[in-house]
């Protein structure tokens, strides 16, 4: 009854079968559950979602971590302030989502992205590049380097939250069969 009410109220996405029965995809259900702060079944994922935030700006790292903790409390978060710190943490933490600042002292975010993609343990991770330099050339180059998405550091918090929801739901669903 509860699920039918959520569907009737337009809170949950569904489709109709040829026989007129309502069906909800696993992906849509995961997005809905995340939005409602409901836990996903343990069988849907072998590991909790893990996010590694790589940024030399402490305030930016703290802001992103705050948004994740507030909206996705079950997610494990680790922060890295430079390339060395990231390299040390990434191999043991094995994140499902990496939020990577492209412009940090002594770190070429484009090369880091390529390196992550070449590591078999990290190939499944969603890589989100971020930069205050929000131009087409930067986006084209980072996508060519293996990033899954790009978001401007100047984006408003609601945009970050919606994108985080997408990235985390995508990762959880892809892990479902493992």
C-alpha atoms as a PDB file:
ATOM      1  CA  UNK A   1       0.000   0.000   0.000  1.00  0.00           C
ATOM      2  CA  UNK A   2       2.796   2.415   0.872  1.00  0.00           C
ATOM      3  CA  UNK A   3       4.634   1.929  -2.425  1.00  0.00           C
ATOM      4  CA  UNK A   4       1.360   2.292  -4.361  1.00  0.00           C
ATOM      5  CA  UNK A   5       0.736   5.579  -2.530  1.00  0.00           C
ATOM      6  CA  UNK A   6       4.239   6.843  -3.373  1.00  0.00           C
ATOM      7  CA  UNK A   7       3.579   6.009  -7.026  1.00  0.00           C
ATOM      8  CA  UNK A   8       0.112   7.596  -6.977  1.00  0.00           C
ATOM      9  CA  UNK A   9       1.550  10.739  -5.348  1.00  0.00           C
ATOM     10  CA  UNK A  10       4.218  11.000  -8.069  1.00  0.00           C
ATOM     11  CA  UNK A  11       7.082  10.436  -5.637  1.00  0.00           C
ATOM     12  CA  UNK A  12       8.359   7.294  -7.376  1.00  0.00           C
ATOM     13  CA  UNK A  13       9.055   6.754 -11.075  1.00  0.00           C
ATOM     14  CA  UNK A  14       7.391   3.707 -12.621  1.00  0.00           C
ATOM     15  CA  UNK A  15       6.266   2.217 -15.914  1.00  0.00           C
ATOM     16  CA  UNK A  16       3.199   0.220 -16.886  1.00  0.00           C
ATOM     17  CA  UNK A  17       3.350  -3.309 -18.257  1.00  0.00           C
ATOM     18  CA  UNK A  18       1.175  -4.332 -21.204  1.00  0.00           C
ATOM     19  CA  UNK A  19      -1.260  -5.749 -18.655  1.00  0.00           C
ATOM     20  CA  UNK A  20      -1.504  -2.426 -16.810  1.00  0.00           C
ATOM     21  CA  UNK A  21       0.670  -3.389 -13.809  1.00  0.00           C
ATOM     22  CA  UNK A  22       3.015  -0.802 -12.329  1.00  0.00           C
ATOM     23  CA  UNK A  23       6.716  -1.679 -12.261  1.00  0.00           C
ATOM     24  CA  UNK A  24       9.659   0.197 -10.713  1.00  0.00           C
ATOM     25  CA  UNK A  25      13.191  -0.378 -11.999  1.00  0.00           C
ATOM     26  CA  UNK A  26      15.963  -1.118  -9.537  1.00  0.00           C
ATOM     27  CA  UNK A  27      17.723   2.098 -10.572  1.00  0.00           C
ATOM     28  CA  UNK A  28      14.619   4.246  -9.988  1.00  0.00           C
ATOM     29  CA  UNK A  29      14.026   2.522  -6.660  1.00  0.00           C
ATOM     30  CA  UNK A  30      17.630   3.183  -5.579  1.00  0.00           C
ATOM     31  CA  UNK A  31      17.305   6.888  -6.455  1.00  0.00           C
ATOM     32  CA  UNK A  32      14.001   7.092  -4.579  1.00  0.00           C
ATOM     33  CA  UNK A  33      15.431   5.300  -1.521  1.00  0.00           C
ATOM     34  CA  UNK A  34      18.444   7.620  -1.449  1.00  0.00           C
ATOM     35  CA  UNK A  35      16.173  10.675  -1.673  1.00  0.00           C
ATOM     36  CA  UNK A  36      14.032   9.340   1.186  1.00  0.00           C
ATOM     37  CA  UNK A  37      17.125   8.382   3.234  1.00  0.00           C
ATOM     38  CA  UNK A  38      16.126   4.710   3.201  1.00  0.00           C
ATOM     39  CA  UNK A  39      18.865   2.057   3.314  1.00  0.00           C
ATOM     40  CA  UNK A  40      19.471  -0.057   0.232  1.00  0.00           C
ATOM     41  CA  UNK A  41      19.227  -3.836   0.689  1.00  0.00           C
ATOM     42  CA  UNK A  42      22.606  -5.364   1.543  1.00  0.00           C
ATOM     43  CA  UNK A  43      22.349  -7.693  -1.444  1.00  0.00           C
ATOM     44  CA  UNK A  44      22.410  -4.734  -3.856  1.00  0.00           C
ATOM     45  CA  UNK A  45      26.009  -3.855  -3.143  1.00  0.00           C
ATOM     46  CA  UNK A  46      29.019  -5.729  -1.898  1.00  0.00           C
ATOM     47  CA  UNK A  47      30.628  -2.630  -0.384  1.00  0.00           C
ATOM     48  CA  UNK A  48      29.230   0.610   0.959  1.00  0.00           C
ATOM     49  CA  UNK A  49      29.646   3.574  -1.333  1.00  0.00           C
ATOM     50  CA  UNK A  50      32.978   5.217  -0.715  1.00  0.00           C
ATOM     51  CA  UNK A  51      33.903   8.711  -1.813  1.00  0.00           C
ATOM     52  CA  UNK A  52      37.406  10.123  -2.050  1.00  0.00           C
ATOM     53  CA  UNK A  53      37.521  13.921  -2.282  1.00  0.00           C
ATOM     54  CA  UNK A  54      40.844  15.186  -3.687  1.00  0.00           C
ATOM     55  CA  UNK A  55      41.314  18.941  -3.401  1.00  0.00           C
ATOM     56  CA  UNK A  56      44.036  21.182  -1.996  1.00  0.00           C
ATOM     57  CA  UNK A  57      41.437  23.726  -0.849  1.00  0.00           C
ATOM     58  CA  UNK A  58      40.339  22.675   2.636  1.00  0.00           C
ATOM     59  CA  UNK A  59      37.119  24.698   2.538  1.00  0.00           C
ATOM     60  CA  UNK A  60      36.066  23.097  -0.749  1.00  0.00           C
ATOM     61  CA  UNK A  61      36.813  19.604   0.618  1.00  0.00           C
ATOM     62  CA  UNK A  62      34.886  20.323   3.804  1.00  0.00           C
ATOM     63  CA  UNK A  63      31.910  21.734   1.884  1.00  0.00           C
ATOM     64  CA  UNK A  64      31.646  18.679  -0.390  1.00  0.00           C
ATOM     65  CA  UNK A  65      32.096  16.308   2.569  1.00  0.00           C
ATOM     66  CA  UNK A  66      29.383  18.199   4.474  1.00  0.00           C
ATOM     67  CA  UNK A  67      26.940  17.880   1.562  1.00  0.00           C
ATOM     68  CA  UNK A  68      27.608  14.145   1.338  1.00  0.00           C
ATOM     69  CA  UNK A  69      27.317  13.505   5.086  1.00  0.00           C
ATOM     70  CA  UNK A  70      24.119  15.540   5.348  1.00  0.00           C
ATOM     71  CA  UNK A  71      22.379  13.965   2.360  1.00  0.00           C
ATOM     72  CA  UNK A  72      23.941  10.488   2.198  1.00  0.00           C
ATOM     73  CA  UNK A  73      24.858   9.501   5.764  1.00  0.00           C
ATOM     74  CA  UNK A  74      25.704   5.871   4.895  1.00  0.00           C
ATOM     75  CA  UNK A  75      28.516   6.896   2.535  1.00  0.00           C
ATOM     76  CA  UNK A  76      32.121   6.531   3.703  1.00  0.00           C
ATOM     77  CA  UNK A  77      34.179   9.647   2.953  1.00  0.00           C
ATOM     78  CA  UNK A  78      37.913  10.125   2.828  1.00  0.00           C
ATOM     79  CA  UNK A  79      39.687  13.355   1.961  1.00  0.00           C
ATOM     80  CA  UNK A  80      43.063  13.923   0.325  1.00  0.00           C
ATOM     81  CA  UNK A  81      44.716  17.332   0.171  1.00  0.00           C
ATOM     82  CA  UNK A  82      47.419  16.587  -2.406  1.00  0.00           C
ATOM     83  CA  UNK A  83      48.595  13.993  -4.913  1.00  0.00           C
ATOM     84  CA  UNK A  84      50.830  12.157  -2.453  1.00  0.00           C
ATOM     85  CA  UNK A  85      48.024  11.933   0.103  1.00  0.00           C
ATOM     86  CA  UNK A  86      45.633  10.703  -2.586  1.00  0.00           C
ATOM     87  CA  UNK A  87      48.067   8.053  -3.832  1.00  0.00           C
ATOM     88  CA  UNK A  88      48.568   6.743  -0.322  1.00  0.00           C
ATOM     89  CA  UNK A  89      44.835   6.541   0.448  1.00  0.00           C
ATOM     90  CA  UNK A  90      43.314   5.434  -2.854  1.00  0.00           C
ATOM     91  CA  UNK A  91      44.911   1.981  -2.932  1.00  0.00           C
ATOM     92  CA  UNK A  92      43.563   0.911   0.461  1.00  0.00           C
ATOM     93  CA  UNK A  93      40.259   2.803   0.494  1.00  0.00           C
ATOM     94  CA  UNK A  94      39.182   1.751  -3.046  1.00  0.00           C
ATOM     95  CA  UNK A  95      36.549   4.466  -3.596  1.00  0.00           C
ATOM     96  CA  UNK A  96      33.452   3.979  -5.717  1.00  0.00           C
ATOM     97  CA  UNK A  97      33.403   7.734  -6.441  1.00  0.00           C
ATOM     98  CA  UNK A  98      36.422  10.021  -6.805  1.00  0.00           C
ATOM     99  CA  UNK A  99      35.863  13.771  -6.830  1.00  0.00           C
ATOM    100  CA  UNK A 100      39.071  15.176  -8.278  1.00  0.00           C
ATOM    101  CA  UNK A 101      40.173  18.802  -8.440  1.00  0.00           C
ATOM    102  CA  UNK A 102      42.005  19.208 -11.735  1.00  0.00           C
ATOM    103  CA  UNK A 103      44.180  22.119 -10.668  1.00  0.00           C
ATOM    104  CA  UNK A 104      46.338  21.413  -7.631  1.00  0.00           C
ATOM    105  CA  UNK A 105      49.989  22.268  -7.002  1.00  0.00           C
ATOM    106  CA  UNK A 106      52.226  19.456  -8.232  1.00  0.00           C
ATOM    107  CA  UNK A 107      49.304  17.431  -9.570  1.00  0.00           C
ATOM    108  CA  UNK A 108      48.105  17.121 -13.142  1.00  0.00           C
ATOM    109  CA  UNK A 109      44.477  16.075 -12.761  1.00  0.00           C
ATOM    110  CA  UNK A 110      44.315  14.879 -16.359  1.00  0.00           C
ATOM    111  CA  UNK A 111      47.242  12.484 -15.842  1.00  0.00           C
ATOM    112  CA  UNK A 112      45.826  11.367 -12.479  1.00  0.00           C
ATOM    113  CA  UNK A 113      42.541  10.521 -14.194  1.00  0.00           C
ATOM    114  CA  UNK A 114      44.355   8.416 -16.824  1.00  0.00           C
ATOM    115  CA  UNK A 115      46.325   6.673 -14.079  1.00  0.00           C
ATOM    116  CA  UNK A 116      43.165   5.824 -12.127  1.00  0.00           C
ATOM    117  CA  UNK A 117      41.569   4.397 -15.266  1.00  0.00           C
ATOM    118  CA  UNK A 118      44.607   2.171 -15.863  1.00  0.00           C
ATOM    119  CA  UNK A 119      44.426   0.599 -12.373  1.00  0.00           C
ATOM    120  CA  UNK A 120      42.285  -2.570 -12.529  1.00  0.00           C
ATOM    121  CA  UNK A 121      41.124  -2.078  -8.917  1.00  0.00           C
ATOM    122  CA  UNK A 122      39.852   1.426  -9.707  1.00  0.00           C
ATOM    123  CA  UNK A 123      38.456   1.043 -13.218  1.00  0.00           C
ATOM    124  CA  UNK A 124      34.882   0.795 -11.914  1.00  0.00           C
ATOM    125  CA  UNK A 125      35.143   3.987  -9.867  1.00  0.00           C
ATOM    126  CA  UNK A 126      33.145   6.976 -11.028  1.00  0.00           C
ATOM    127  CA  UNK A 127      35.555   9.874 -11.572  1.00  0.00           C
ATOM    128  CA  UNK A 128      34.157  13.372 -11.321  1.00  0.00           C
ATOM    129  CA  UNK A 129      36.527  16.144 -12.262  1.00  0.00           C
ATOM    130  CA  UNK A 130      35.966  19.567 -10.799  1.00  0.00           C
ATOM    131  CA  UNK A 131      37.550  22.890 -11.509  1.00  0.00           C
ATOM    132  CA  UNK A 132      36.749  26.553 -11.338  1.00  0.00           C
ATOM    133  CA  UNK A 133      38.003  26.648 -14.937  1.00  0.00           C
ATOM    134  CA  UNK A 134      34.701  25.710 -16.557  1.00  0.00           C
ATOM    135  CA  UNK A 135      35.371  25.840 -20.294  1.00  0.00           C
ATOM    136  CA  UNK A 136      34.766  23.463 -23.198  1.00  0.00           C
ATOM    137  CA  UNK A 137      38.472  22.726 -23.784  1.00  0.00           C
ATOM    138  CA  UNK A 138      38.960  21.622 -20.157  1.00  0.00           C
ATOM    139  CA  UNK A 139      35.839  19.451 -20.263  1.00  0.00           C
ATOM    140  CA  UNK A 140      36.806  17.835 -23.555  1.00  0.00           C
ATOM    141  CA  UNK A 141      40.303  17.075 -22.276  1.00  0.00           C
ATOM    142  CA  UNK A 142      39.166  15.570 -18.953  1.00  0.00           C
ATOM    143  CA  UNK A 143      36.546  13.366 -20.617  1.00  0.00           C
ATOM    144  CA  UNK A 144      39.255  12.163 -22.999  1.00  0.00           C
ATOM    145  CA  UNK A 145      41.384  11.379 -19.929  1.00  0.00           C
ATOM    146  CA  UNK A 146      38.680   9.066 -18.569  1.00  0.00           C
ATOM    147  CA  UNK A 147      36.463  11.175 -16.308  1.00  0.00           C
ATOM    148  CA  UNK A 148      32.801  10.221 -16.107  1.00  0.00           C
ATOM    149  CA  UNK A 149      31.544  13.722 -15.355  1.00  0.00           C
ATOM    150  CA  UNK A 150      32.606  17.299 -14.733  1.00  0.00           C
ATOM    151  CA  UNK A 151      31.199  19.840 -12.323  1.00  0.00           C
ATOM    152  CA  UNK A 152      32.238  23.422 -11.793  1.00  0.00           C
ATOM    153  CA  UNK A 153      33.547  24.229  -8.322  1.00  0.00           C
ATOM    154  CA  UNK A 154      31.268  27.251  -8.531  1.00  0.00           C
ATOM    155  CA  UNK A 155      28.101  25.132  -8.862  1.00  0.00           C
ATOM    156  CA  UNK A 156      25.425  25.746  -6.226  1.00  0.00           C
ATOM    157  CA  UNK A 157      24.861  23.179  -3.447  1.00  0.00           C
ATOM    158  CA  UNK A 158      21.537  21.860  -4.871  1.00  0.00           C
ATOM    159  CA  UNK A 159      23.326  21.012  -8.123  1.00  0.00           C
ATOM    160  CA  UNK A 160      26.062  19.178  -6.192  1.00  0.00           C
ATOM    161  CA  UNK A 161      23.448  17.218  -4.222  1.00  0.00           C
ATOM    162  CA  UNK A 162      21.554  16.165  -7.353  1.00  0.00           C
ATOM    163  CA  UNK A 163      24.766  15.144  -9.098  1.00  0.00           C
ATOM    164  CA  UNK A 164      25.942  13.217  -6.014  1.00  0.00           C
ATOM    165  CA  UNK A 165      22.623  11.373  -6.012  1.00  0.00           C
ATOM    166  CA  UNK A 166      23.156  10.386  -9.647  1.00  0.00           C
ATOM    167  CA  UNK A 167      26.770   9.342  -9.169  1.00  0.00           C
ATOM    168  CA  UNK A 168      26.122   7.294  -6.043  1.00  0.00           C
ATOM    169  CA  UNK A 169      23.027   5.580  -7.468  1.00  0.00           C
ATOM    170  CA  UNK A 170      24.909   4.695 -10.663  1.00  0.00           C
ATOM    171  CA  UNK A 171      27.736   3.145  -8.688  1.00  0.00           C
ATOM    172  CA  UNK A 172      25.475   1.144  -6.394  1.00  0.00           C
ATOM    173  CA  UNK A 173      23.455  -0.278  -9.259  1.00  0.00           C
ATOM    174  CA  UNK A 174      26.572  -1.309 -11.181  1.00  0.00           C
ATOM    175  CA  UNK A 175      27.822  -3.141  -8.086  1.00  0.00           C
ATOM    176  CA  UNK A 176      24.543  -5.027  -7.582  1.00  0.00           C
ATOM    177  CA  UNK A 177      25.603  -8.241  -9.265  1.00  0.00           C
ATOM    178  CA  UNK A 178      29.050  -8.546  -7.655  1.00  0.00           C
END
